[in-house]
Amino acid sequence: MKWSDAINQHVGALRPVTIDQMLKMRLVKLLDLTTLNDTDTEASVATFCEKAETVYGHVAAVCVYPTFVRLVADQFSGSTIKTATVVNFPEGADHLDDVVLQIGHVLQEGAQEVDLVFPYHRYLAGEQQYVQTFISTCKVACGEDVLLKVILETGALSDPAIIADAAYDVLSAGADFVKTSTGKIAEGATLEAVATLLMVIKHITPQVKRQVGCKVSGGIRSLQQAAQYLQLADRIMGPDWVMSDTFRIGASKLIDEIMSR
């Protein structure tokens, strides 16, 4: 079966999902509650953090700009809610030395997870070896205990074959997660892109002999959208695979719909 045929088969098999309390509990536990707005302030981020703990459980992580990492880390000190942030964001064009410095800074501030935009412009220009070195260097900077989630910007890569190759390369180079989008370009996550990432993860996991995961982000606003991605992961990877250690959904407004329905 061709790669594209397999993607279409998985996506085509998806059906509308019944929204119930069990689904809400699953989704909340997988959520990277995210605010990455130019208008963010200490006060607005502190208020936003109040959404992290709900009647359905608490989110996996809260993701903010580096400026607010210390605030979030302090707010969730002693909690299992992780503090996440972004580097080389959003264009993926910073020099490697600068990105390593960014990583060092956010770790000092208390970040436990780093969402890194990989240099997709250089990858598309054919510099695959540079990109692999870039990712492996950044993973060393993060250390073993800090989760490195690499944002591929799948909307810019576009072609499923290129998305698959990029995911394979960055996971081989040491990334812990592959992530769809920054949410800062026109095309965010798609079912086809996520199916591609999950198929790569299924294929590569026995080779790298470690747990790797997928983060869906970019335009996830409705419960039905999120449920479709969860259904897709269950279908490709099996329901026992889907947990916060392997599957995340990055969103800012999804939590509001979960709480309003």
C-alpha atoms as a PDB file:
ATOM      1  CA  MET A   1       0.000   0.000   0.000  1.00  0.00           C
ATOM      2  CA  LYS A   2       1.275   3.461  -0.932  1.00  0.00           C
ATOM      3  CA  TRP A   3       2.005   5.935   1.865  1.00  0.00           C
ATOM      4  CA  SER A   4      -0.710   8.313   0.630  1.00  0.00           C
ATOM      5  CA  ASP A   5      -3.218   5.470   0.370  1.00  0.00           C
ATOM      6  CA  ALA A   6      -2.553   4.466   3.983  1.00  0.00           C
ATOM      7  CA  ILE A   7      -3.036   8.067   5.150  1.00  0.00           C
ATOM      8  CA  ASN A   8      -6.305   8.370   3.244  1.00  0.00           C
ATOM      9  CA  GLN A   9      -7.518   5.046   4.588  1.00  0.00           C
ATOM     10  CA  HIS A  10      -6.924   6.078   8.199  1.00  0.00           C
ATOM     11  CA  VAL A  11      -8.456   9.533   7.783  1.00  0.00           C
ATOM     12  CA  GLY A  12     -11.367   8.190   5.751  1.00  0.00           C
ATOM     13  CA  ALA A  13     -12.254   5.716   8.498  1.00  0.00           C
ATOM     14  CA  LEU A  14     -12.878   8.460  11.073  1.00  0.00           C
ATOM     15  CA  ARG A  15     -16.425   9.033  12.261  1.00  0.00           C
ATOM     16  CA  PRO A  16     -18.149  11.764  14.319  1.00  0.00           C
ATOM     17  CA  VAL A  17     -17.465  11.255  18.013  1.00  0.00           C
ATOM     18  CA  THR A  18     -19.979  11.432  20.851  1.00  0.00           C
ATOM     19  CA  ILE A  19     -18.940  14.142  23.286  1.00  0.00           C
ATOM     20  CA  ASP A  20     -19.305  12.847  26.837  1.00  0.00           C
ATOM     21  CA  GLN A  21     -17.618  13.278  30.199  1.00  0.00           C
ATOM     22  CA  MET A  22     -15.201  10.399  29.586  1.00  0.00           C
ATOM     23  CA  LEU A  23     -13.969  12.056  26.394  1.00  0.00           C
ATOM     24  CA  LYS A  24     -13.552  15.387  28.179  1.00  0.00           C
ATOM     25  CA  MET A  25     -11.488  13.696  30.895  1.00  0.00           C
ATOM     26  CA  ARG A  26      -9.239  12.098  28.265  1.00  0.00           C
ATOM     27  CA  LEU A  27      -8.749  15.366  26.397  1.00  0.00           C
ATOM     28  CA  VAL A  28      -7.992  17.529  29.438  1.00  0.00           C
ATOM     29  CA  LYS A  29      -5.192  15.162  30.494  1.00  0.00           C
ATOM     30  CA  LEU A  30      -3.612  15.459  27.034  1.00  0.00           C
ATOM     31  CA  LEU A  31      -3.847  19.230  26.759  1.00  0.00           C
ATOM     32  CA  ASP A  32      -0.936  21.658  26.509  1.00  0.00           C
ATOM     33  CA  LEU A  33      -2.827  24.768  27.586  1.00  0.00           C
ATOM     34  CA  THR A  34      -1.174  27.439  25.459  1.00  0.00           C
ATOM     35  CA  THR A  35      -1.036  31.217  25.370  1.00  0.00           C
ATOM     36  CA  LEU A  36       1.441  32.689  22.892  1.00  0.00           C
ATOM     37  CA  ASN A  37       0.008  36.127  22.223  1.00  0.00           C
ATOM     38  CA  ASP A  38       1.901  39.376  21.780  1.00  0.00           C
ATOM     39  CA  THR A  39      -0.565  40.909  24.244  1.00  0.00           C
ATOM     40  CA  ASP A  40       0.259  38.457  27.071  1.00  0.00           C
ATOM     41  CA  THR A  41       1.132  40.048  30.411  1.00  0.00           C
ATOM     42  CA  GLU A  42       2.038  38.618  33.795  1.00  0.00           C
ATOM     43  CA  ALA A  43      -1.499  39.296  34.962  1.00  0.00           C
ATOM     44  CA  SER A  44      -3.159  37.694  31.922  1.00  0.00           C
ATOM     45  CA  VAL A  45      -0.892  34.638  32.088  1.00  0.00           C
ATOM     46  CA  ALA A  46      -1.569  34.194  35.806  1.00  0.00           C
ATOM     47  CA  THR A  47      -5.311  34.328  35.112  1.00  0.00           C
ATOM     48  CA  PHE A  48      -4.910  31.931  32.184  1.00  0.00           C
ATOM     49  CA  CYS A  49      -3.139  29.425  34.438  1.00  0.00           C
ATOM     50  CA  GLU A  50      -6.301  29.160  36.531  1.00  0.00           C
ATOM     51  CA  LYS A  51      -7.841  27.193  33.667  1.00  0.00           C
ATOM     52  CA  ALA A  52      -5.289  24.387  34.068  1.00  0.00           C
ATOM     53  CA  GLU A  53      -7.166  22.607  36.849  1.00  0.00           C
ATOM     54  CA  THR A  54     -10.746  21.573  36.086  1.00  0.00           C
ATOM     55  CA  VAL A  55     -13.526  19.297  37.289  1.00  0.00           C
ATOM     56  CA  TYR A  56     -12.347  16.877  34.579  1.00  0.00           C
ATOM     57  CA  GLY A  57      -8.785  16.812  35.902  1.00  0.00           C
ATOM     58  CA  HIS A  58      -5.750  18.945  35.127  1.00  0.00           C
ATOM     59  CA  VAL A  59      -3.934  19.621  31.885  1.00  0.00           C
ATOM     60  CA  ALA A  60      -0.586  18.054  30.997  1.00  0.00           C
ATOM     61  CA  ALA A  61       1.288  21.344  30.633  1.00  0.00           C
ATOM     62  CA  VAL A  62       0.951  25.100  30.337  1.00  0.00           C
ATOM     63  CA  CYS A  63       2.922  26.564  27.423  1.00  0.00           C
ATOM     64  CA  VAL A  64       3.955  30.233  27.455  1.00  0.00           C
ATOM     65  CA  TYR A  65       6.582  32.551  26.050  1.00  0.00           C
ATOM     66  CA  PRO A  66      10.001  32.409  27.792  1.00  0.00           C
ATOM     67  CA  THR A  67       9.242  35.715  29.560  1.00  0.00           C
ATOM     68  CA  PHE A  68       6.556  34.006  31.642  1.00  0.00           C
ATOM     69  CA  VAL A  69       8.247  30.666  32.383  1.00  0.00           C
ATOM     70  CA  ARG A  70       9.254  31.615  35.930  1.00  0.00           C
ATOM     71  CA  LEU A  71       5.710  32.753  36.723  1.00  0.00           C
ATOM     72  CA  VAL A  72       4.185  29.480  35.511  1.00  0.00           C
ATOM     73  CA  ALA A  73       6.854  27.323  37.148  1.00  0.00           C
ATOM     74  CA  ASP A  74       6.220  29.041  40.469  1.00  0.00           C
ATOM     75  CA  GLN A  75       2.449  28.772  40.094  1.00  0.00           C
ATOM     76  CA  PHE A  76       2.624  24.995  39.537  1.00  0.00           C
ATOM     77  CA  SER A  77       5.496  24.231  41.892  1.00  0.00           C
ATOM     78  CA  GLY A  78       4.778  20.872  43.516  1.00  0.00           C
ATOM     79  CA  SER A  79       2.173  20.057  40.859  1.00  0.00           C
ATOM     80  CA  THR A  80       2.411  17.460  38.089  1.00  0.00           C
ATOM     81  CA  ILE A  81       1.412  20.168  35.586  1.00  0.00           C
ATOM     82  CA  LYS A  82       4.497  20.819  33.471  1.00  0.00           C
ATOM     83  CA  THR A  83       5.864  24.216  32.494  1.00  0.00           C
ATOM     84  CA  ALA A  84       6.478  24.408  28.735  1.00  0.00           C
ATOM     85  CA  THR A  85       7.843  27.154  26.513  1.00  0.00           C
ATOM     86  CA  VAL A  86       8.980  27.854  22.955  1.00  0.00           C
ATOM     87  CA  VAL A  87      12.396  28.564  21.421  1.00  0.00           C
ATOM     88  CA  ASN A  88      13.526  29.474  17.908  1.00  0.00           C
ATOM     89  CA  PHE A  89       9.940  30.654  17.603  1.00  0.00           C
ATOM     90  CA  PRO A  90       8.087  31.147  15.347  1.00  0.00           C
ATOM     91  CA  GLU A  91      10.200  31.366  12.187  1.00  0.00           C
ATOM     92  CA  GLY A  92      12.740  28.649  13.058  1.00  0.00           C
ATOM     93  CA  ALA A  93      15.518  30.879  11.717  1.00  0.00           C
ATOM     94  CA  ASP A  94      17.732  31.647  14.727  1.00  0.00           C
ATOM     95  CA  HIS A  95      21.396  30.632  14.790  1.00  0.00           C
ATOM     96  CA  LEU A  96      22.067  27.362  16.599  1.00  0.00           C
ATOM     97  CA  ASP A  97      24.300  29.049  19.195  1.00  0.00           C
ATOM     98  CA  ASP A  98      21.504  31.480  20.012  1.00  0.00           C
ATOM     99  CA  VAL A  99      18.970  28.659  20.328  1.00  0.00           C
ATOM    100  CA  VAL A 100      21.235  26.784  22.747  1.00  0.00           C
ATOM    101  CA  LEU A 101      21.437  29.974  24.829  1.00  0.00           C
ATOM    102  CA  GLN A 102      17.634  30.285  24.704  1.00  0.00           C
ATOM    103  CA  ILE A 103      17.304  26.713  25.957  1.00  0.00           C
ATOM    104  CA  GLY A 104      19.764  27.325  28.776  1.00  0.00           C
ATOM    105  CA  HIS A 105      17.850  30.426  29.845  1.00  0.00           C
ATOM    106  CA  VAL A 106      14.389  28.807  29.927  1.00  0.00           C
ATOM    107  CA  LEU A 107      15.728  25.805  31.839  1.00  0.00           C
ATOM    108  CA  GLN A 108      17.160  28.172  34.477  1.00  0.00           C
ATOM    109  CA  GLU A 109      13.746  29.814  34.686  1.00  0.00           C
ATOM    110  CA  GLY A 110      12.087  26.453  35.376  1.00  0.00           C
ATOM    111  CA  ALA A 111      10.951  25.094  31.994  1.00  0.00           C
ATOM    112  CA  GLN A 112      10.381  21.328  31.966  1.00  0.00           C
ATOM    113  CA  GLU A 113       9.398  21.044  28.313  1.00  0.00           C
ATOM    114  CA  VAL A 114      10.794  22.887  25.278  1.00  0.00           C
ATOM    115  CA  ASP A 115       8.858  23.303  22.038  1.00  0.00           C
ATOM    116  CA  LEU A 116      11.492  24.036  19.386  1.00  0.00           C
ATOM    117  CA  VAL A 117      10.774  25.205  15.848  1.00  0.00           C
ATOM    118  CA  PHE A 118      13.081  23.245  13.605  1.00  0.00           C
ATOM    119  CA  PRO A 119      14.840  25.117  10.748  1.00  0.00           C
ATOM    120  CA  TYR A 120      12.268  24.122   8.148  1.00  0.00           C
ATOM    121  CA  HIS A 121      13.403  26.664   5.565  1.00  0.00           C
ATOM    122  CA  ARG A 122      16.882  25.103   5.556  1.00  0.00           C
ATOM    123  CA  TYR A 123      15.386  21.605   5.559  1.00  0.00           C
ATOM    124  CA  LEU A 124      13.347  22.456   2.457  1.00  0.00           C
ATOM    125  CA  ALA A 125      16.544  23.849   0.892  1.00  0.00           C
ATOM    126  CA  GLY A 126      18.132  20.394   1.205  1.00  0.00           C
ATOM    127  CA  GLU A 127      20.183  20.892   4.389  1.00  0.00           C
ATOM    128  CA  GLN A 128      19.004  17.727   6.121  1.00  0.00           C
ATOM    129  CA  GLN A 129      22.334  17.030   7.795  1.00  0.00           C
ATOM    130  CA  TYR A 130      22.479  20.526   9.272  1.00  0.00           C
ATOM    131  CA  VAL A 131      18.981  20.104  10.671  1.00  0.00           C
ATOM    132  CA  GLN A 132      19.811  16.745  12.256  1.00  0.00           C
ATOM    133  CA  THR A 133      22.876  18.289  13.913  1.00  0.00           C
ATOM    134  CA  PHE A 134      20.713  21.212  15.029  1.00  0.00           C
ATOM    135  CA  ILE A 135      18.188  18.891  16.718  1.00  0.00           C
ATOM    136  CA  SER A 136      20.779  16.633  18.348  1.00  0.00           C
ATOM    137  CA  THR A 137      22.622  19.674  19.754  1.00  0.00           C
ATOM    138  CA  CYS A 138      19.391  21.095  21.147  1.00  0.00           C
ATOM    139  CA  LYS A 139      18.507  17.771  22.762  1.00  0.00           C
ATOM    140  CA  VAL A 140      21.896  17.686  24.479  1.00  0.00           C
ATOM    141  CA  ALA A 141      21.210  21.217  25.729  1.00  0.00           C
ATOM    142  CA  CYS A 142      17.838  20.105  27.108  1.00  0.00           C
ATOM    143  CA  GLY A 143      19.229  17.022  28.833  1.00  0.00           C
ATOM    144  CA  GLU A 144      17.478  13.726  29.401  1.00  0.00           C
ATOM    145  CA  ASP A 145      14.862  15.007  31.835  1.00  0.00           C
ATOM    146  CA  VAL A 146      13.489  17.850  29.704  1.00  0.00           C
ATOM    147  CA  LEU A 147      11.057  16.961  26.940  1.00  0.00           C
ATOM    148  CA  LEU A 148      12.079  18.308  23.503  1.00  0.00           C
ATOM    149  CA  LYS A 149       9.071  18.755  21.226  1.00  0.00           C
ATOM    150  CA  VAL A 150      10.113  19.706  17.696  1.00  0.00           C
ATOM    151  CA  ILE A 151       7.671  21.842  15.700  1.00  0.00           C
ATOM    152  CA  LEU A 152       7.880  20.777  12.070  1.00  0.00           C
ATOM    153  CA  GLU A 153       5.481  23.448  10.714  1.00  0.00           C
ATOM    154  CA  THR A 154       3.738  20.823   8.589  1.00  0.00           C
ATOM    155  CA  GLY A 155       1.719  23.466   6.754  1.00  0.00           C
ATOM    156  CA  ALA A 156       4.963  24.795   5.257  1.00  0.00           C
ATOM    157  CA  LEU A 157       6.372  21.327   4.501  1.00  0.00           C
ATOM    158  CA  SER A 158       3.044  20.523   2.816  1.00  0.00           C
ATOM    159  CA  ASP A 159       3.923  17.229   1.059  1.00  0.00           C
ATOM    160  CA  PRO A 160       3.236  14.134   3.232  1.00  0.00           C
ATOM    161  CA  ALA A 161       6.464  12.546   2.001  1.00  0.00           C
ATOM    162  CA  ILE A 162       8.478  15.573   3.144  1.00  0.00           C
ATOM    163  CA  ILE A 163       6.614  15.643   6.478  1.00  0.00           C
ATOM    164  CA  ALA A 164       7.416  11.965   6.967  1.00  0.00           C
ATOM    165  CA  ASP A 165      11.098  12.430   6.130  1.00  0.00           C
ATOM    166  CA  ALA A 166      11.374  15.447   8.458  1.00  0.00           C
ATOM    167  CA  ALA A 167       9.709  13.564  11.316  1.00  0.00           C
ATOM    168  CA  TYR A 168      11.987  10.579  10.795  1.00  0.00           C
ATOM    169  CA  ASP A 169      15.085  12.788  10.737  1.00  0.00           C
ATOM    170  CA  VAL A 170      14.292  14.788  13.887  1.00  0.00           C
ATOM    171  CA  LEU A 171      13.219  11.735  15.897  1.00  0.00           C
ATOM    172  CA  SER A 172      16.388   9.935  14.809  1.00  0.00           C
ATOM    173  CA  ALA A 173      18.354  12.996  15.969  1.00  0.00           C
ATOM    174  CA  GLY A 174      16.937  12.794  19.496  1.00  0.00           C
ATOM    175  CA  ALA A 175      13.612  14.667  19.555  1.00  0.00           C
ATOM    176  CA  ASP A 176      11.101  13.335  22.063  1.00  0.00           C
ATOM    177  CA  PHE A 177       8.018  14.588  20.221  1.00  0.00           C
ATOM    178  CA  VAL A 178       7.165  15.807  16.758  1.00  0.00           C
ATOM    179  CA  LYS A 179       4.631  18.641  16.642  1.00  0.00           C
ATOM    180  CA  THR A 180       2.582  19.966  13.750  1.00  0.00           C
ATOM    181  CA  SER A 181       2.538  23.736  13.931  1.00  0.00           C
ATOM    182  CA  THR A 182       3.433  27.006  15.612  1.00  0.00           C
ATOM    183  CA  GLY A 183      -0.105  28.237  15.000  1.00  0.00           C
ATOM    184  CA  LYS A 184       1.466  31.324  13.430  1.00  0.00           C
ATOM    185  CA  ILE A 185       1.066  30.445   9.736  1.00  0.00           C
ATOM    186  CA  ALA A 186      -2.114  29.979   7.717  1.00  0.00           C
ATOM    187  CA  GLU A 187      -2.199  26.177   7.802  1.00  0.00           C
ATOM    188  CA  GLY A 188      -1.979  24.484  11.168  1.00  0.00           C
ATOM    189  CA  ALA A 189      -2.670  20.858  11.990  1.00  0.00           C
ATOM    190  CA  THR A 190      -4.501  18.596   9.537  1.00  0.00           C
ATOM    191  CA  LEU A 191      -5.688  15.031   9.951  1.00  0.00           C
ATOM    192  CA  GLU A 192      -3.477  13.999   7.036  1.00  0.00           C
ATOM    193  CA  ALA A 193      -0.352  15.539   8.587  1.00  0.00           C
ATOM    194  CA  VAL A 194      -1.032  13.969  11.973  1.00  0.00           C
ATOM    195  CA  ALA A 195      -1.700  10.563  10.387  1.00  0.00           C
ATOM    196  CA  THR A 196       1.693  10.900   8.703  1.00  0.00           C
ATOM    197  CA  LEU A 197       3.448  11.721  11.987  1.00  0.00           C
ATOM    198  CA  LEU A 198       1.774   8.851  13.811  1.00  0.00           C
ATOM    199  CA  MET A 199       2.718   6.362  11.103  1.00  0.00           C
ATOM    200  CA  VAL A 200       6.350   7.509  11.316  1.00  0.00           C
ATOM    201  CA  ILE A 201       6.284   7.163  15.102  1.00  0.00           C
ATOM    202  CA  LYS A 202       4.886   3.649  14.840  1.00  0.00           C
ATOM    203  CA  HIS A 203       7.623   2.727  12.370  1.00  0.00           C
ATOM    204  CA  ILE A 204      10.570   4.364  14.131  1.00  0.00           C
ATOM    205  CA  THR A 205       9.884   3.520  17.774  1.00  0.00           C
ATOM    206  CA  PRO A 206      11.405   0.006  17.597  1.00  0.00           C
ATOM    207  CA  GLN A 207      14.456   1.463  15.826  1.00  0.00           C
ATOM    208  CA  VAL A 208      15.228   4.244  18.316  1.00  0.00           C
ATOM    209  CA  LYS A 209      14.335   1.974  21.264  1.00  0.00           C
ATOM    210  CA  ARG A 210      12.717   4.778  23.250  1.00  0.00           C
ATOM    211  CA  GLN A 211       9.319   6.364  23.668  1.00  0.00           C
ATOM    212  CA  VAL A 212       8.494   9.166  21.235  1.00  0.00           C
ATOM    213  CA  GLY A 213       5.307  11.134  20.808  1.00  0.00           C
ATOM    214  CA  CYS A 214       3.143  13.445  18.733  1.00  0.00           C
ATOM    215  CA  LYS A 215       1.716  16.877  19.525  1.00  0.00           C
ATOM    216  CA  VAL A 216      -1.185  18.270  17.516  1.00  0.00           C
ATOM    217  CA  SER A 217      -1.326  22.063  17.432  1.00  0.00           C
ATOM    218  CA  GLY A 218      -2.463  24.893  15.222  1.00  0.00           C
ATOM    219  CA  GLY A 219      -6.164  25.683  14.902  1.00  0.00           C
ATOM    220  CA  ILE A 220      -7.613  23.159  17.354  1.00  0.00           C
ATOM    221  CA  ARG A 221     -10.609  24.993  18.783  1.00  0.00           C
ATOM    222  CA  SER A 222     -13.561  22.595  18.920  1.00  0.00           C
ATOM    223  CA  LEU A 223     -14.199  19.413  20.895  1.00  0.00           C
ATOM    224  CA  GLN A 224     -15.119  17.505  17.745  1.00  0.00           C
ATOM    225  CA  GLN A 225     -11.832  18.528  16.112  1.00  0.00           C
ATOM    226  CA  ALA A 226      -9.842  17.346  19.110  1.00  0.00           C
ATOM    227  CA  ALA A 227     -11.874  14.140  19.320  1.00  0.00           C
ATOM    228  CA  GLN A 228     -11.082  13.355  15.683  1.00  0.00           C
ATOM    229  CA  TYR A 229      -7.346  13.590  16.362  1.00  0.00           C
ATOM    230  CA  LEU A 230      -7.733  11.394  19.402  1.00  0.00           C
ATOM    231  CA  GLN A 231      -9.704   8.859  17.366  1.00  0.00           C
ATOM    232  CA  LEU A 232      -6.972   8.927  14.714  1.00  0.00           C
ATOM    233  CA  ALA A 233      -4.248   8.248  17.292  1.00  0.00           C
ATOM    234  CA  ASP A 234      -6.276   5.411  18.798  1.00  0.00           C
ATOM    235  CA  ARG A 235      -6.751   3.912  15.343  1.00  0.00           C
ATOM    236  CA  ILE A 236      -3.097   4.044  14.251  1.00  0.00           C
ATOM    237  CA  MET A 237      -1.306   3.498  17.557  1.00  0.00           C
ATOM    238  CA  GLY A 238      -3.916   1.700  19.680  1.00  0.00           C
ATOM    239  CA  PRO A 239      -5.835   3.198  22.646  1.00  0.00           C
ATOM    240  CA  ASP A 240      -3.255   2.012  25.190  1.00  0.00           C
ATOM    241  CA  TRP A 241      -0.596   4.168  23.516  1.00  0.00           C
ATOM    242  CA  VAL A 242      -2.435   7.463  23.902  1.00  0.00           C
ATOM    243  CA  MET A 243      -1.383   9.180  27.143  1.00  0.00           C
ATOM    244  CA  SER A 244       0.231  12.492  28.059  1.00  0.00           C
ATOM    245  CA  ASP A 245       3.705  10.952  27.729  1.00  0.00           C
ATOM    246  CA  THR A 246       3.067  10.219  24.045  1.00  0.00           C
ATOM    247  CA  PHE A 247       0.240  12.411  22.756  1.00  0.00           C
ATOM    248  CA  ARG A 248      -0.579  16.067  23.335  1.00  0.00           C
ATOM    249  CA  ILE A 249      -2.985  18.606  21.936  1.00  0.00           C
ATOM    250  CA  GLY A 250      -1.820  22.210  22.039  1.00  0.00           C
ATOM    251  CA  ALA A 251      -4.630  24.754  22.227  1.00  0.00           C
ATOM    252  CA  SER A 252      -5.722  27.973  23.927  1.00  0.00           C
ATOM    253  CA  LYS A 253      -9.513  27.967  23.487  1.00  0.00           C
ATOM    254  CA  LEU A 254     -10.327  24.240  23.610  1.00  0.00           C
ATOM    255  CA  ILE A 255     -10.447  24.262  27.402  1.00  0.00           C
ATOM    256  CA  ASP A 256     -13.231  26.883  27.271  1.00  0.00           C
ATOM    257  CA  GLU A 257     -15.415  24.634  25.108  1.00  0.00           C
ATOM    258  CA  ILE A 258     -14.720  21.638  27.318  1.00  0.00           C
ATOM    259  CA  MET A 259     -15.923  23.600  30.337  1.00  0.00           C
ATOM    260  CA  SER A 260     -18.942  25.161  28.610  1.00  0.00           C
ATOM    261  CA  ARG A 261     -20.550  21.924  27.376  1.00  0.00           C
END
